[in-house]
PDB file of all heavy atoms in Angstrom:
ATOM      1  N   ASN A   1     -69.926  49.945 -29.181  1.00  0.00           N
ATOM      2  CA  ASN A   1     -70.337  49.681 -27.792  1.00  0.00           C
ATOM      3  C   ASN A   1     -69.687  48.201 -27.493  1.00  0.00           C
ATOM      4  O   ASN A   1     -70.230  47.156 -28.034  1.00  0.00           O
ATOM      5  CB  ASN A   1     -71.793  49.670 -27.582  1.00  0.00           C
ATOM      6  CG  ASN A   1     -72.231  49.461 -26.162  1.00  0.00           C
ATOM      7  OD1 ASN A   1     -71.799  48.433 -25.558  1.00  0.00           O
ATOM      8  ND2 ASN A   1     -73.084  50.391 -25.638  1.00  0.00           N
ATOM      9  N   TYR A   2     -68.690  48.145 -26.697  1.00  0.00           N
ATOM     10  CA  TYR A   2     -67.953  46.974 -26.418  1.00  0.00           C
ATOM     11  C   TYR A   2     -69.055  45.916 -25.665  1.00  0.00           C
ATOM     12  O   TYR A   2     -68.917  44.778 -26.041  1.00  0.00           O
ATOM     13  CB  TYR A   2     -66.823  47.119 -25.427  1.00  0.00           C
ATOM     14  CG  TYR A   2     -66.182  45.868 -24.904  1.00  0.00           C
ATOM     15  CD1 TYR A   2     -65.294  45.182 -25.645  1.00  0.00           C
ATOM     16  CD2 TYR A   2     -66.584  45.384 -23.634  1.00  0.00           C
ATOM     17  CE1 TYR A   2     -64.669  44.012 -25.278  1.00  0.00           C
ATOM     18  CE2 TYR A   2     -65.959  44.266 -23.035  1.00  0.00           C
ATOM     19  CZ  TYR A   2     -64.998  43.523 -23.905  1.00  0.00           C
ATOM     20  OH  TYR A   2     -64.543  42.425 -23.521  1.00  0.00           O
ATOM     21  N   GLY A   3     -69.849  46.382 -24.858  1.00  0.00           N
ATOM     22  CA  GLY A   3     -70.778  45.384 -24.128  1.00  0.00           C
ATOM     23  C   GLY A   3     -71.757  44.837 -24.964  1.00  0.00           C
ATOM     24  O   GLY A   3     -71.980  43.528 -24.889  1.00  0.00           O
ATOM     25  N   ILE A   4     -72.306  45.566 -25.910  1.00  0.00           N
ATOM     26  CA  ILE A   4     -73.392  44.977 -26.850  1.00  0.00           C
ATOM     27  C   ILE A   4     -72.669  43.972 -27.751  1.00  0.00           C
ATOM     28  O   ILE A   4     -73.188  42.941 -28.117  1.00  0.00           O
ATOM     29  CB  ILE A   4     -73.987  46.115 -27.570  1.00  0.00           C
ATOM     30  CG1 ILE A   4     -74.900  46.937 -26.678  1.00  0.00           C
ATOM     31  CG2 ILE A   4     -74.856  45.539 -28.740  1.00  0.00           C
ATOM     32  CD1 ILE A   4     -75.528  48.144 -27.286  1.00  0.00           C
ATOM     33  N   MET A   5     -71.468  44.386 -28.270  1.00  0.00           N
ATOM     34  CA  MET A   5     -70.777  43.446 -29.203  1.00  0.00           C
ATOM     35  C   MET A   5     -70.362  42.209 -28.602  1.00  0.00           C
ATOM     36  O   MET A   5     -70.514  41.131 -29.009  1.00  0.00           O
ATOM     37  CB  MET A   5     -69.610  44.218 -29.700  1.00  0.00           C
ATOM     38  CG  MET A   5     -68.859  43.452 -30.948  1.00  0.00           C
ATOM     39  SD  MET A   5     -69.887  43.433 -32.318  1.00  0.00           S
ATOM     40  CE  MET A   5     -69.053  42.342 -33.530  1.00  0.00           C
ATOM     41  N   LYS A   6     -69.905  42.242 -27.267  1.00  0.00           N
ATOM     42  CA  LYS A   6     -69.530  41.114 -26.479  1.00  0.00           C
ATOM     43  C   LYS A   6     -70.815  40.163 -26.341  1.00  0.00           C
ATOM     44  O   LYS A   6     -70.698  38.977 -26.549  1.00  0.00           O
ATOM     45  CB  LYS A   6     -68.953  41.496 -25.106  1.00  0.00           C
ATOM     46  CG  LYS A   6     -68.614  40.297 -24.225  1.00  0.00           C
ATOM     47  CD  LYS A   6     -68.180  40.839 -22.927  1.00  0.00           C
ATOM     48  CE  LYS A   6     -67.685  39.617 -22.039  1.00  0.00           C
ATOM     49  NZ  LYS A   6     -67.257  40.158 -20.747  1.00  0.00           N
ATOM     50  N   ASN A   7     -71.989  40.726 -26.013  1.00  0.00           N
ATOM     51  CA  ASN A   7     -73.118  39.870 -25.879  1.00  0.00           C
ATOM     52  C   ASN A   7     -73.721  39.231 -27.166  1.00  0.00           C
ATOM     53  O   ASN A   7     -73.962  38.054 -27.093  1.00  0.00           O
ATOM     54  CB  ASN A   7     -74.332  40.911 -25.326  1.00  0.00           C
ATOM     55  CG  ASN A   7     -74.066  41.184 -23.897  1.00  0.00           C
ATOM     56  OD1 ASN A   7     -73.379  40.589 -23.149  1.00  0.00           O
ATOM     57  ND2 ASN A   7     -74.691  42.275 -23.431  1.00  0.00           N
ATOM     58  N   LEU A   8     -73.361  39.994 -28.293  1.00  0.00           N
ATOM     59  CA  LEU A   8     -73.957  39.392 -29.454  1.00  0.00           C
ATOM     60  C   LEU A   8     -72.946  38.249 -29.907  1.00  0.00           C
ATOM     61  O   LEU A   8     -73.438  37.220 -30.480  1.00  0.00           O
ATOM     62  CB  LEU A   8     -73.727  40.483 -30.598  1.00  0.00           C
ATOM     63  CG  LEU A   8     -74.911  41.420 -30.540  1.00  0.00           C
ATOM     64  CD1 LEU A   8     -74.540  42.663 -31.617  1.00  0.00           C
ATOM     65  CD2 LEU A   8     -76.174  40.952 -30.778  1.00  0.00           C
ATOM     66  N   ILE A   9     -71.611  38.444 -29.686  1.00  0.00           N
ATOM     67  CA  ILE A   9     -70.712  37.297 -29.952  1.00  0.00           C
ATOM     68  C   ILE A   9     -70.974  36.182 -29.007  1.00  0.00           C
ATOM     69  O   ILE A   9     -71.062  34.928 -29.452  1.00  0.00           O
ATOM     70  CB  ILE A   9     -69.247  37.817 -29.645  1.00  0.00           C
ATOM     71  CG1 ILE A   9     -68.824  38.906 -30.760  1.00  0.00           C
ATOM     72  CG2 ILE A   9     -68.304  36.668 -29.695  1.00  0.00           C
ATOM     73  CD1 ILE A   9     -67.596  39.508 -30.418  1.00  0.00           C
ATOM     74  N   HIS A  10     -71.340  36.390 -27.850  1.00  0.00           N
ATOM     75  CA  HIS A  10     -71.641  35.339 -26.833  1.00  0.00           C
ATOM     76  C   HIS A  10     -72.940  34.554 -27.303  1.00  0.00           C
ATOM     77  O   HIS A  10     -72.948  33.332 -27.305  1.00  0.00           O
ATOM     78  CB  HIS A  10     -71.801  35.932 -25.421  1.00  0.00           C
ATOM     79  CG  HIS A  10     -72.398  34.921 -24.480  1.00  0.00           C
ATOM     80  ND1 HIS A  10     -71.600  33.910 -23.997  1.00  0.00           N
ATOM     81  CD2 HIS A  10     -73.601  34.822 -23.873  1.00  0.00           C
ATOM     82  CE1 HIS A  10     -72.287  33.202 -23.054  1.00  0.00           C
ATOM     83  NE2 HIS A  10     -73.514  33.667 -23.038  1.00  0.00           N
ATOM     84  N   GLU A  11     -73.826  35.263 -27.718  1.00  0.00           N
ATOM     85  CA  GLU A  11     -75.050  34.641 -28.103  1.00  0.00           C
ATOM     86  C   GLU A  11     -74.953  33.776 -29.482  1.00  0.00           C
ATOM     87  O   GLU A  11     -75.608  32.717 -29.577  1.00  0.00           O
ATOM     88  CB  GLU A  11     -76.347  35.638 -28.397  1.00  0.00           C
ATOM     89  CG  GLU A  11     -76.724  36.303 -27.035  1.00  0.00           C
ATOM     90  CD  GLU A  11     -77.351  35.460 -26.036  1.00  0.00           C
ATOM     91  OE1 GLU A  11     -78.032  34.492 -26.457  1.00  0.00           O
ATOM     92  OE2 GLU A  11     -77.130  35.598 -24.823  1.00  0.00           O
ATOM     93  N   LEU A  12     -74.222  34.342 -30.422  1.00  0.00           N
ATOM     94  CA  LEU A  12     -73.977  33.617 -31.547  1.00  0.00           C
ATOM     95  C   LEU A  12     -73.136  32.373 -31.275  1.00  0.00           C
ATOM     96  O   LEU A  12     -73.327  31.387 -32.039  1.00  0.00           O
ATOM     97  CB  LEU A  12     -73.209  34.547 -32.662  1.00  0.00           C
ATOM     98  CG  LEU A  12     -73.122  34.016 -34.030  1.00  0.00           C
ATOM     99  CD1 LEU A  12     -74.457  33.585 -34.646  1.00  0.00           C
ATOM    100  CD2 LEU A  12     -72.375  34.949 -34.989  1.00  0.00           C
ATOM    101  N   THR A  13     -72.244  32.503 -30.450  1.00  0.00           N
ATOM    102  CA  THR A  13     -71.448  31.270 -30.052  1.00  0.00           C
ATOM    103  C   THR A  13     -72.303  30.170 -29.410  1.00  0.00           C
ATOM    104  O   THR A  13     -72.179  28.975 -29.767  1.00  0.00           O
ATOM    105  CB  THR A  13     -70.289  31.640 -29.027  1.00  0.00           C
ATOM    106  OG1 THR A  13     -69.531  32.635 -29.471  1.00  0.00           O
ATOM    107  CG2 THR A  13     -69.451  30.313 -28.597  1.00  0.00           C
ATOM    108  N   LYS A  14     -73.286  30.605 -28.607  1.00  0.00           N
ATOM    109  CA  LYS A  14     -74.342  29.634 -27.993  1.00  0.00           C
ATOM    110  C   LYS A  14     -75.052  28.908 -29.092  1.00  0.00           C
ATOM    111  O   LYS A  14     -75.415  27.669 -28.935  1.00  0.00           O
ATOM    112  CB  LYS A  14     -75.197  30.337 -27.005  1.00  0.00           C
ATOM    113  CG  LYS A  14     -74.575  30.677 -25.691  1.00  0.00           C
ATOM    114  CD  LYS A  14     -75.481  31.594 -24.845  1.00  0.00           C
ATOM    115  CE  LYS A  14     -76.895  31.088 -24.541  1.00  0.00           C
ATOM    116  NZ  LYS A  14     -77.578  32.004 -23.785  1.00  0.00           N
ATOM    117  N   LEU A  15     -75.469  29.719 -30.185  1.00  0.00           N
ATOM    118  CA  LEU A  15     -76.151  29.100 -31.448  1.00  0.00           C
ATOM    119  C   LEU A  15     -75.258  28.074 -32.022  1.00  0.00           C
ATOM    120  O   LEU A  15     -75.656  27.016 -32.519  1.00  0.00           O
ATOM    121  CB  LEU A  15     -76.576  30.157 -32.339  1.00  0.00           C
ATOM    122  CG  LEU A  15     -77.853  30.972 -31.938  1.00  0.00           C
ATOM    123  CD1 LEU A  15     -78.138  31.977 -32.923  1.00  0.00           C
ATOM    124  CD2 LEU A  15     -79.106  30.093 -31.683  1.00  0.00           C
ATOM    125  N   GLU A  16     -73.975  28.433 -32.111  1.00  0.00           N
ATOM    126  CA  GLU A  16     -72.967  27.531 -32.872  1.00  0.00           C
ATOM    127  C   GLU A  16     -72.963  26.240 -31.872  1.00  0.00           C
ATOM    128  O   GLU A  16     -72.986  25.021 -32.530  1.00  0.00           O
ATOM    129  CB  GLU A  16     -71.652  28.092 -32.793  1.00  0.00           C
ATOM    130  CG  GLU A  16     -71.294  29.165 -33.899  1.00  0.00           C
ATOM    131  CD  GLU A  16     -70.008  29.523 -33.914  1.00  0.00           C
ATOM    132  OE1 GLU A  16     -69.337  29.686 -32.704  1.00  0.00           O
ATOM    133  OE2 GLU A  16     -69.476  30.019 -34.888  1.00  0.00           O
ATOM    134  N   GLU A  17     -72.912  26.372 -30.669  1.00  0.00           N
ATOM    135  CA  GLU A  17     -72.812  25.194 -29.774  1.00  0.00           C
ATOM    136  C   GLU A  17     -74.046  24.326 -30.040  1.00  0.00           C
ATOM    137  O   GLU A  17     -73.963  22.946 -30.005  1.00  0.00           O
ATOM    138  CB  GLU A  17     -72.621  25.536 -28.349  1.00  0.00           C
ATOM    139  CG  GLU A  17     -71.242  26.264 -28.065  1.00  0.00           C
ATOM    140  CD  GLU A  17     -71.139  26.990 -26.822  1.00  0.00           C
ATOM    141  OE1 GLU A  17     -72.186  27.063 -26.004  1.00  0.00           O
ATOM    142  OE2 GLU A  17     -69.995  27.342 -26.402  1.00  0.00           O
ATOM    143  N   GLU A  18     -75.202  24.955 -30.006  1.00  0.00           N
ATOM    144  CA  GLU A  18     -76.547  24.084 -30.224  1.00  0.00           C
ATOM    145  C   GLU A  18     -76.387  23.547 -31.580  1.00  0.00           C
ATOM    146  O   GLU A  18     -76.841  22.293 -31.664  1.00  0.00           O
ATOM    147  CB  GLU A  18     -77.715  25.114 -30.012  1.00  0.00           C
ATOM    148  CG  GLU A  18     -78.036  25.688 -28.607  1.00  0.00           C
ATOM    149  CD  GLU A  18     -79.090  26.654 -28.745  1.00  0.00           C
ATOM    150  OE1 GLU A  18     -79.885  26.691 -29.672  1.00  0.00           O
ATOM    151  OE2 GLU A  18     -79.107  27.457 -27.839  1.00  0.00           O
ATOM    152  N   PHE A  19     -75.875  24.167 -32.550  1.00  0.00           N
ATOM    153  CA  PHE A  19     -75.949  23.628 -33.839  1.00  0.00           C
ATOM    154  C   PHE A  19     -75.087  22.315 -34.057  1.00  0.00           C
ATOM    155  O   PHE A  19     -75.409  21.372 -34.527  1.00  0.00           O
ATOM    156  CB  PHE A  19     -75.400  24.670 -34.813  1.00  0.00           C
ATOM    157  CG  PHE A  19     -75.235  24.175 -36.135  1.00  0.00           C
ATOM    158  CD1 PHE A  19     -76.318  23.913 -37.131  1.00  0.00           C
ATOM    159  CD2 PHE A  19     -73.916  23.988 -36.764  1.00  0.00           C
ATOM    160  CE1 PHE A  19     -76.149  23.537 -38.373  1.00  0.00           C
ATOM    161  CE2 PHE A  19     -73.711  23.553 -38.050  1.00  0.00           C
ATOM    162  CZ  PHE A  19     -74.863  23.349 -38.887  1.00  0.00           C
ATOM    163  N   ILE A  20     -73.870  22.394 -33.402  1.00  0.00           N
ATOM    164  CA  ILE A  20     -72.975  21.230 -33.531  1.00  0.00           C
ATOM    165  C   ILE A  20     -73.569  20.076 -32.755  1.00  0.00           C
ATOM    166  O   ILE A  20     -73.272  18.833 -33.162  1.00  0.00           O
ATOM    167  CB  ILE A  20     -71.499  21.583 -33.140  1.00  0.00           C
ATOM    168  CG1 ILE A  20     -71.437  22.070 -31.692  1.00  0.00           C
ATOM    169  CG2 ILE A  20     -70.889  22.660 -34.127  1.00  0.00           C
ATOM    170  CD1 ILE A  20     -70.024  22.348 -31.287  1.00  0.00           C
ATOM    171  N   VAL A  21     -74.154  20.324 -31.655  1.00  0.00           N
ATOM    172  CA  VAL A  21     -74.773  19.172 -30.891  1.00  0.00           C
ATOM    173  C   VAL A  21     -75.987  18.566 -31.755  1.00  0.00           C
ATOM    174  O   VAL A  21     -75.979  17.330 -31.824  1.00  0.00           O
ATOM    175  CB  VAL A  21     -75.373  19.652 -29.545  1.00  0.00           C
ATOM    176  CG1 VAL A  21     -76.085  18.556 -28.903  1.00  0.00           C
ATOM    177  CG2 VAL A  21     -74.147  20.096 -28.663  1.00  0.00           C
ATOM    178  N   LEU A  22     -76.757  19.393 -32.366  1.00  0.00           N
ATOM    179  CA  LEU A  22     -77.859  18.927 -33.211  1.00  0.00           C
ATOM    180  C   LEU A  22     -77.153  18.225 -34.412  1.00  0.00           C
ATOM    181  O   LEU A  22     -77.717  17.152 -34.817  1.00  0.00           O
ATOM    182  CB  LEU A  22     -78.584  20.195 -33.666  1.00  0.00           C
ATOM    183  CG  LEU A  22     -79.834  19.922 -34.552  1.00  0.00           C
ATOM    184  CD1 LEU A  22     -80.904  18.974 -33.681  1.00  0.00           C
ATOM    185  CD2 LEU A  22     -80.588  21.092 -35.012  1.00  0.00           C
ATOM    186  N   GLU A  23     -76.136  18.751 -34.978  1.00  0.00           N
ATOM    187  CA  GLU A  23     -75.532  18.072 -36.069  1.00  0.00           C
ATOM    188  C   GLU A  23     -75.105  16.593 -35.771  1.00  0.00           C
ATOM    189  O   GLU A  23     -75.191  15.703 -36.455  1.00  0.00           O
ATOM    190  CB  GLU A  23     -74.283  18.840 -36.642  1.00  0.00           C
ATOM    191  CG  GLU A  23     -74.741  19.964 -37.389  1.00  0.00           C
ATOM    192  CD  GLU A  23     -75.109  19.731 -38.863  1.00  0.00           C
ATOM    193  OE1 GLU A  23     -74.247  19.240 -39.660  1.00  0.00           O
ATOM    194  OE2 GLU A  23     -76.247  19.798 -39.232  1.00  0.00           O
ATOM    195  N   TYR A  24     -74.466  16.581 -34.520  1.00  0.00           N
ATOM    196  CA  TYR A  24     -73.920  15.206 -34.158  1.00  0.00           C
ATOM    197  C   TYR A  24     -75.062  14.231 -33.813  1.00  0.00           C
ATOM    198  O   TYR A  24     -75.036  13.117 -34.235  1.00  0.00           O
ATOM    199  CB  TYR A  24     -73.075  15.573 -32.735  1.00  0.00           C
ATOM    200  CG  TYR A  24     -72.597  14.218 -32.206  1.00  0.00           C
ATOM    201  CD1 TYR A  24     -71.533  13.493 -32.743  1.00  0.00           C
ATOM    202  CD2 TYR A  24     -73.291  13.659 -31.070  1.00  0.00           C
ATOM    203  CE1 TYR A  24     -71.077  12.282 -32.111  1.00  0.00           C
ATOM    204  CE2 TYR A  24     -72.841  12.544 -30.528  1.00  0.00           C
ATOM    205  CZ  TYR A  24     -71.742  11.884 -30.899  1.00  0.00           C
ATOM    206  OH  TYR A  24     -71.348  10.627 -30.444  1.00  0.00           O
ATOM    207  N   SER A  25     -76.052  14.771 -33.165  1.00  0.00           N
ATOM    208  CA  SER A  25     -77.180  13.821 -32.771  1.00  0.00           C
ATOM    209  C   SER A  25     -77.992  13.395 -33.969  1.00  0.00           C
ATOM    210  O   SER A  25     -78.490  12.314 -34.035  1.00  0.00           O
ATOM    211  CB  SER A  25     -78.141  14.663 -31.802  1.00  0.00           C
ATOM    212  OG  SER A  25     -77.528  15.043 -30.666  1.00  0.00           O
ATOM    213  N   SER A  26     -78.046  14.249 -35.055  1.00  0.00           N
ATOM    214  CA  SER A  26     -78.753  13.820 -36.219  1.00  0.00           C
ATOM    215  C   SER A  26     -78.184  12.789 -36.958  1.00  0.00           C
ATOM    216  O   SER A  26     -78.843  12.031 -37.765  1.00  0.00           O
ATOM    217  CB  SER A  26     -78.883  15.084 -37.106  1.00  0.00           C
ATOM    218  OG  SER A  26     -77.762  15.452 -37.683  1.00  0.00           O
ATOM    219  N   LYS A  27     -76.814  12.490 -36.820  1.00  0.00           N
ATOM    220  CA  LYS A  27     -76.235  11.356 -37.445  1.00  0.00           C
ATOM    221  C   LYS A  27     -76.364  10.017 -36.686  1.00  0.00           C
ATOM    222  O   LYS A  27     -76.002   9.086 -37.292  1.00  0.00           O
ATOM    223  CB  LYS A  27     -74.670  11.739 -37.627  1.00  0.00           C
ATOM    224  CG  LYS A  27     -74.476  12.951 -38.550  1.00  0.00           C
ATOM    225  CD  LYS A  27     -73.027  13.388 -38.516  1.00  0.00           C
ATOM    226  CE  LYS A  27     -72.881  14.610 -39.374  1.00  0.00           C
ATOM    227  NZ  LYS A  27     -71.464  15.146 -39.336  1.00  0.00           N
TER     228      LYS A  27
END
């Protein structure tokens, strides 16, 4: 299902973005 897969990739990308911001701030 292209739609579901696209949404999962989008959500995981958002988690990556949150993570790298957190990593930067923690330093």
